C-alpha atoms as a PDB file:
ATOM      1  CA  UNK A   1      67.527  26.636 -12.228  1.00  0.00           C
ATOM      2  CA  UNK A   2      66.554  28.273  -9.026  1.00  0.00           C
ATOM      3  CA  UNK A   3      63.843  30.200 -11.325  1.00  0.00           C
ATOM      4  CA  UNK A   4      62.280  26.715 -12.307  1.00  0.00           C
ATOM      5  CA  UNK A   5      62.344  25.377  -8.952  1.00  0.00           C
ATOM      6  CA  UNK A   6      61.034  28.188  -7.259  1.00  0.00           C
ATOM      7  CA  UNK A   7      58.214  28.373 -10.103  1.00  0.00           C
ATOM      8  CA  UNK A   8      57.558  24.267  -9.300  1.00  0.00           C
ATOM      9  CA  UNK A   9      57.392  25.155  -5.385  1.00  0.00           C
ATOM     10  CA  UNK A  10      55.193  28.056  -6.187  1.00  0.00           C
ATOM     11  CA  UNK A  11      52.416  26.223  -8.305  1.00  0.00           C
ATOM     12  CA  UNK A  12      52.708  23.365  -5.849  1.00  0.00           C
ATOM     13  CA  UNK A  13      51.689  25.508  -2.771  1.00  0.00           C
ATOM     14  CA  UNK A  14      48.886  27.512  -5.297  1.00  0.00           C
ATOM     15  CA  UNK A  15      47.549  23.969  -6.106  1.00  0.00           C
ATOM     16  CA  UNK A  16      47.901  22.719  -2.601  1.00  0.00           C
ATOM     17  CA  UNK A  17      45.942  25.660  -0.982  1.00  0.00           C
ATOM     18  CA  UNK A  18      43.458  25.333  -3.803  1.00  0.00           C
ATOM     19  CA  UNK A  19      42.953  21.615  -3.115  1.00  0.00           C
ATOM     20  CA  UNK A  20      42.431  22.219   0.779  1.00  0.00           C
ATOM     21  CA  UNK A  21      39.865  25.570   0.058  1.00  0.00           C
ATOM     22  CA  UNK A  22      37.881  23.051  -2.319  1.00  0.00           C
ATOM     23  CA  UNK A  23      37.990  20.338   0.318  1.00  0.00           C
ATOM     24  CA  UNK A  24      36.942  22.583   3.181  1.00  0.00           C
ATOM     25  CA  UNK A  25      34.112  24.197   0.745  1.00  0.00           C
ATOM     26  CA  UNK A  26      32.929  20.581  -0.313  1.00  0.00           C
ATOM     27  CA  UNK A  27      32.549  19.602   3.471  1.00  0.00           C
ATOM     28  CA  UNK A  28      30.717  22.771   4.520  1.00  0.00           C
ATOM     29  CA  UNK A  29      28.068  22.387   1.742  1.00  0.00           C
ATOM     30  CA  UNK A  30      27.734  18.871   2.539  1.00  0.00           C
ATOM     31  CA  UNK A  31      27.045  19.674   6.056  1.00  0.00           C
ATOM     32  CA  UNK A  32      24.272  22.117   4.827  1.00  0.00           C
ATOM     33  CA  UNK A  33      22.976  19.811   2.385  1.00  0.00           C
ATOM     34  CA  UNK A  34      22.650  17.169   5.452  1.00  0.00           C
ATOM     35  CA  UNK A  35      21.108  19.672   7.731  1.00  0.00           C
ATOM     36  CA  UNK A  36      18.518  21.063   5.156  1.00  0.00           C
ATOM     37  CA  UNK A  37      17.430  17.230   4.403  1.00  0.00           C
ATOM     38  CA  UNK A  38      17.279  16.439   8.416  1.00  0.00           C
ATOM     39  CA  UNK A  39      14.991  19.309   8.888  1.00  0.00           C
ATOM     40  CA  UNK A  40      12.943  18.631   5.840  1.00  0.00           C
ATOM     41  CA  UNK A  41      12.177  14.845   7.263  1.00  0.00           C
ATOM     42  CA  UNK A  42      11.575  16.268  10.948  1.00  0.00           C
ATOM     43  CA  UNK A  43       8.949  19.023   9.267  1.00  0.00           C
ATOM     44  CA  UNK A  44       7.518  16.185   7.020  1.00  0.00           C
ATOM     45  CA  UNK A  45       4.213  14.807   8.725  1.00  0.00           C
ATOM     46  CA  UNK A  46       4.170  11.216  10.005  1.00  0.00           C
ATOM     47  CA  UNK A  47       2.526   8.631   7.493  1.00  0.00           C
ATOM     48  CA  UNK A  48      -0.657   7.696   8.432  1.00  0.00           C
ATOM     49  CA  UNK A  49      -1.159   3.920   8.976  1.00  0.00           C
ATOM     50  CA  UNK A  50      -3.269   2.197   6.276  1.00  0.00           C
ATOM     51  CA  UNK A  51      -7.244   1.774   7.141  1.00  0.00           C
ATOM     52  CA  UNK A  52      -8.054  -1.572   8.563  1.00  0.00           C
ATOM     53  CA  UNK A  53      -9.451  -3.991   5.815  1.00  0.00           C
ATOM     54  CA  UNK A  54     -13.040  -4.429   6.657  1.00  0.00           C
ATOM     55  CA  UNK A  55     -14.758  -7.509   5.422  1.00  0.00           C
ATOM     56  CA  UNK A  56     -17.590  -6.281   2.842  1.00  0.00           C
ATOM     57  CA  UNK A  57     -20.825  -6.690   4.300  1.00  0.00           C
ATOM     58  CA  UNK A  58     -22.542  -9.198   2.334  1.00  0.00           C
ATOM     59  CA  UNK A  59     -25.323  -7.814   0.131  1.00  0.00           C
ATOM     60  CA  UNK A  60     -29.583  -9.175   0.217  1.00  0.00           C
ATOM     61  CA  UNK A  61     -28.671 -11.750  -2.907  1.00  0.00           C
ATOM     62  CA  UNK A  62     -25.850 -13.786  -1.133  1.00  0.00           C
ATOM     63  CA  UNK A  63     -28.472 -14.016   2.148  1.00  0.00           C
ATOM     64  CA  UNK A  64     -30.912 -14.844  -0.413  1.00  0.00           C
ATOM     65  CA  UNK A  65     -28.817 -17.551  -2.054  1.00  0.00           C
ATOM     66  CA  UNK A  66     -27.391 -19.024   1.401  1.00  0.00           C
ATOM     67  CA  UNK A  67     -31.088 -19.327   2.382  1.00  0.00           C
ATOM     68  CA  UNK A  68     -32.157 -20.953  -0.553  1.00  0.00           C
ATOM     69  CA  UNK A  69     -29.287 -23.596  -0.106  1.00  0.00           C
ATOM     70  CA  UNK A  70     -30.386 -23.794   3.840  1.00  0.00           C
ATOM     71  CA  UNK A  71     -33.951 -24.699   1.993  1.00  0.00           C
ATOM     72  CA  UNK A  72     -32.863 -27.140  -0.230  1.00  0.00           C
ATOM     73  CA  UNK A  73     -30.518 -28.894   2.687  1.00  0.00           C
ATOM     74  CA  UNK A  74     -33.585 -29.482   5.202  1.00  0.00           C
ATOM     75  CA  UNK A  75     -36.108 -30.970   2.063  1.00  0.00           C
ATOM     76  CA  UNK A  76     -33.004 -33.242   1.345  1.00  0.00           C
ATOM     77  CA  UNK A  77     -33.145 -34.098   5.233  1.00  0.00           C
ATOM     78  CA  UNK A  78     -29.802 -33.160   5.722  1.00  0.00           C
ATOM     79  CA  UNK A  79     -31.013 -30.364   8.396  1.00  0.00           C
ATOM     80  CA  UNK A  80     -33.711 -30.846  10.930  1.00  0.00           C
ATOM     81  CA  UNK A  81     -36.205 -28.112  11.588  1.00  0.00           C
ATOM     82  CA  UNK A  82     -34.175 -27.005  14.633  1.00  0.00           C
ATOM     83  CA  UNK A  83     -30.790 -26.732  12.883  1.00  0.00           C
ATOM     84  CA  UNK A  84     -32.452 -24.954   9.646  1.00  0.00           C
ATOM     85  CA  UNK A  85     -33.919 -22.500  11.931  1.00  0.00           C
ATOM     86  CA  UNK A  86     -30.572 -21.499  14.001  1.00  0.00           C
ATOM     87  CA  UNK A  87     -28.725 -21.343  10.728  1.00  0.00           C
ATOM     88  CA  UNK A  88     -31.403 -19.051   9.456  1.00  0.00           C
ATOM     89  CA  UNK A  89     -31.409 -17.038  12.487  1.00  0.00           C
ATOM     90  CA  UNK A  90     -27.882 -16.636  12.189  1.00  0.00           C
ATOM     91  CA  UNK A  91     -27.378 -16.010   8.291  1.00  0.00           C
ATOM     92  CA  UNK A  92     -30.224 -12.960   9.077  1.00  0.00           C
ATOM     93  CA  UNK A  93     -28.691 -11.729  11.984  1.00  0.00           C
ATOM     94  CA  UNK A  94     -24.969 -11.134  10.262  1.00  0.00           C
END
């Protein structure tokens, strides 16, 4: 029986040592990977802010349509001559 006990004890010591070594190697490797990831993030350029969306400039056909609508409103008597001229000036200035 002493041989059996000694074999079980030796197996327990070997298994415990193997587990301890394995855990230590795993922790070391985990630390290295974490360090590599941290260095990769530090070396990566900062993301550029998205450019602000500028409203598109109205094209000439839009301005022409708006001028026609202003002319129609003036003919209907909705706009006075002064109001028409003011709106036309603003439209052409934009």
